[in-house]
């Protein structure tokens, strides 16, 4: 059984084509600190993205 990830923060932002690069850099840099970052399209508004910070 995998341990669950705790959501620390969620922010909705304007959609950006290159925001995934920031998320990738954060994941590569802070994985040793038990942090993970996610980016997804907002299901209610296709012009927005949801950025989430998790503790693993």
C-alpha atoms as a PDB file:
ATOM      1  CA  UNK A   1       0.000   0.000   0.000  1.00  0.00           C
ATOM      2  CA  UNK A   2       1.406   3.393  -1.032  1.00  0.00           C
ATOM      3  CA  UNK A   3       1.436   6.234   1.473  1.00  0.00           C
ATOM      4  CA  UNK A   4      -0.979   9.061   0.696  1.00  0.00           C
ATOM      5  CA  UNK A   5       0.154  12.487  -0.379  1.00  0.00           C
ATOM      6  CA  UNK A   6      -1.047  15.471   1.619  1.00  0.00           C
ATOM      7  CA  UNK A   7      -2.159  18.563  -0.289  1.00  0.00           C
ATOM      8  CA  UNK A   8      -0.406  21.603   1.176  1.00  0.00           C
ATOM      9  CA  UNK A   9      -1.700  24.267  -1.194  1.00  0.00           C
ATOM     10  CA  UNK A  10      -3.710  24.739  -4.382  1.00  0.00           C
ATOM     11  CA  UNK A  11      -3.714  27.841  -6.576  1.00  0.00           C
ATOM     12  CA  UNK A  12      -5.685  28.548  -9.747  1.00  0.00           C
ATOM     13  CA  UNK A  13      -3.748  30.490 -12.391  1.00  0.00           C
ATOM     14  CA  UNK A  14      -4.212  31.751 -15.923  1.00  0.00           C
ATOM     15  CA  UNK A  15      -3.295  29.088 -18.465  1.00  0.00           C
ATOM     16  CA  UNK A  16       0.325  29.348 -19.609  1.00  0.00           C
ATOM     17  CA  UNK A  17       2.072  27.219 -22.200  1.00  0.00           C
ATOM     18  CA  UNK A  18       5.362  27.177 -20.280  1.00  0.00           C
ATOM     19  CA  UNK A  19       4.208  26.843 -16.679  1.00  0.00           C
ATOM     20  CA  UNK A  20       4.978  23.120 -16.812  1.00  0.00           C
ATOM     21  CA  UNK A  21       8.701  24.055 -16.956  1.00  0.00           C
ATOM     22  CA  UNK A  22       8.460  25.708 -13.539  1.00  0.00           C
ATOM     23  CA  UNK A  23       6.648  22.681 -12.112  1.00  0.00           C
ATOM     24  CA  UNK A  24       9.287  20.352 -13.570  1.00  0.00           C
ATOM     25  CA  UNK A  25      12.127  22.432 -12.085  1.00  0.00           C
ATOM     26  CA  UNK A  26      10.448  22.482  -8.673  1.00  0.00           C
ATOM     27  CA  UNK A  27       9.927  18.704  -8.741  1.00  0.00           C
ATOM     28  CA  UNK A  28      13.557  18.051  -9.713  1.00  0.00           C
ATOM     29  CA  UNK A  29      14.934  20.480  -7.139  1.00  0.00           C
ATOM     30  CA  UNK A  30      12.744  19.698  -4.116  1.00  0.00           C
ATOM     31  CA  UNK A  31      12.028  15.966  -4.410  1.00  0.00           C
ATOM     32  CA  UNK A  32      14.557  15.324  -1.631  1.00  0.00           C
ATOM     33  CA  UNK A  33      12.471  17.505   0.690  1.00  0.00           C
ATOM     34  CA  UNK A  34       9.413  15.236   0.267  1.00  0.00           C
ATOM     35  CA  UNK A  35       7.601  17.813  -1.864  1.00  0.00           C
ATOM     36  CA  UNK A  36       5.869  17.238  -5.174  1.00  0.00           C
ATOM     37  CA  UNK A  37       4.205  19.749  -7.479  1.00  0.00           C
ATOM     38  CA  UNK A  38       1.325  19.175  -9.856  1.00  0.00           C
ATOM     39  CA  UNK A  39      -0.247  21.096 -12.708  1.00  0.00           C
ATOM     40  CA  UNK A  40      -3.598  20.365 -14.314  1.00  0.00           C
ATOM     41  CA  UNK A  41      -6.178  22.098 -16.448  1.00  0.00           C
ATOM     42  CA  UNK A  42      -9.091  23.449 -14.448  1.00  0.00           C
ATOM     43  CA  UNK A  43     -12.093  21.217 -15.121  1.00  0.00           C
ATOM     44  CA  UNK A  44     -14.533  24.137 -14.844  1.00  0.00           C
ATOM     45  CA  UNK A  45     -12.615  26.743 -16.885  1.00  0.00           C
ATOM     46  CA  UNK A  46     -10.337  25.747 -19.767  1.00  0.00           C
ATOM     47  CA  UNK A  47      -8.510  29.091 -19.601  1.00  0.00           C
ATOM     48  CA  UNK A  48      -7.183  28.280 -16.098  1.00  0.00           C
ATOM     49  CA  UNK A  49      -4.683  25.830 -14.625  1.00  0.00           C
ATOM     50  CA  UNK A  50      -4.519  24.409 -11.114  1.00  0.00           C
ATOM     51  CA  UNK A  51      -1.103  24.301  -9.406  1.00  0.00           C
ATOM     52  CA  UNK A  52      -0.917  21.994  -6.397  1.00  0.00           C
ATOM     53  CA  UNK A  53       1.818  21.406  -3.797  1.00  0.00           C
ATOM     54  CA  UNK A  54       1.926  17.984  -2.119  1.00  0.00           C
ATOM     55  CA  UNK A  55       3.915  16.531   0.769  1.00  0.00           C
ATOM     56  CA  UNK A  56       4.857  12.928  -0.013  1.00  0.00           C
END
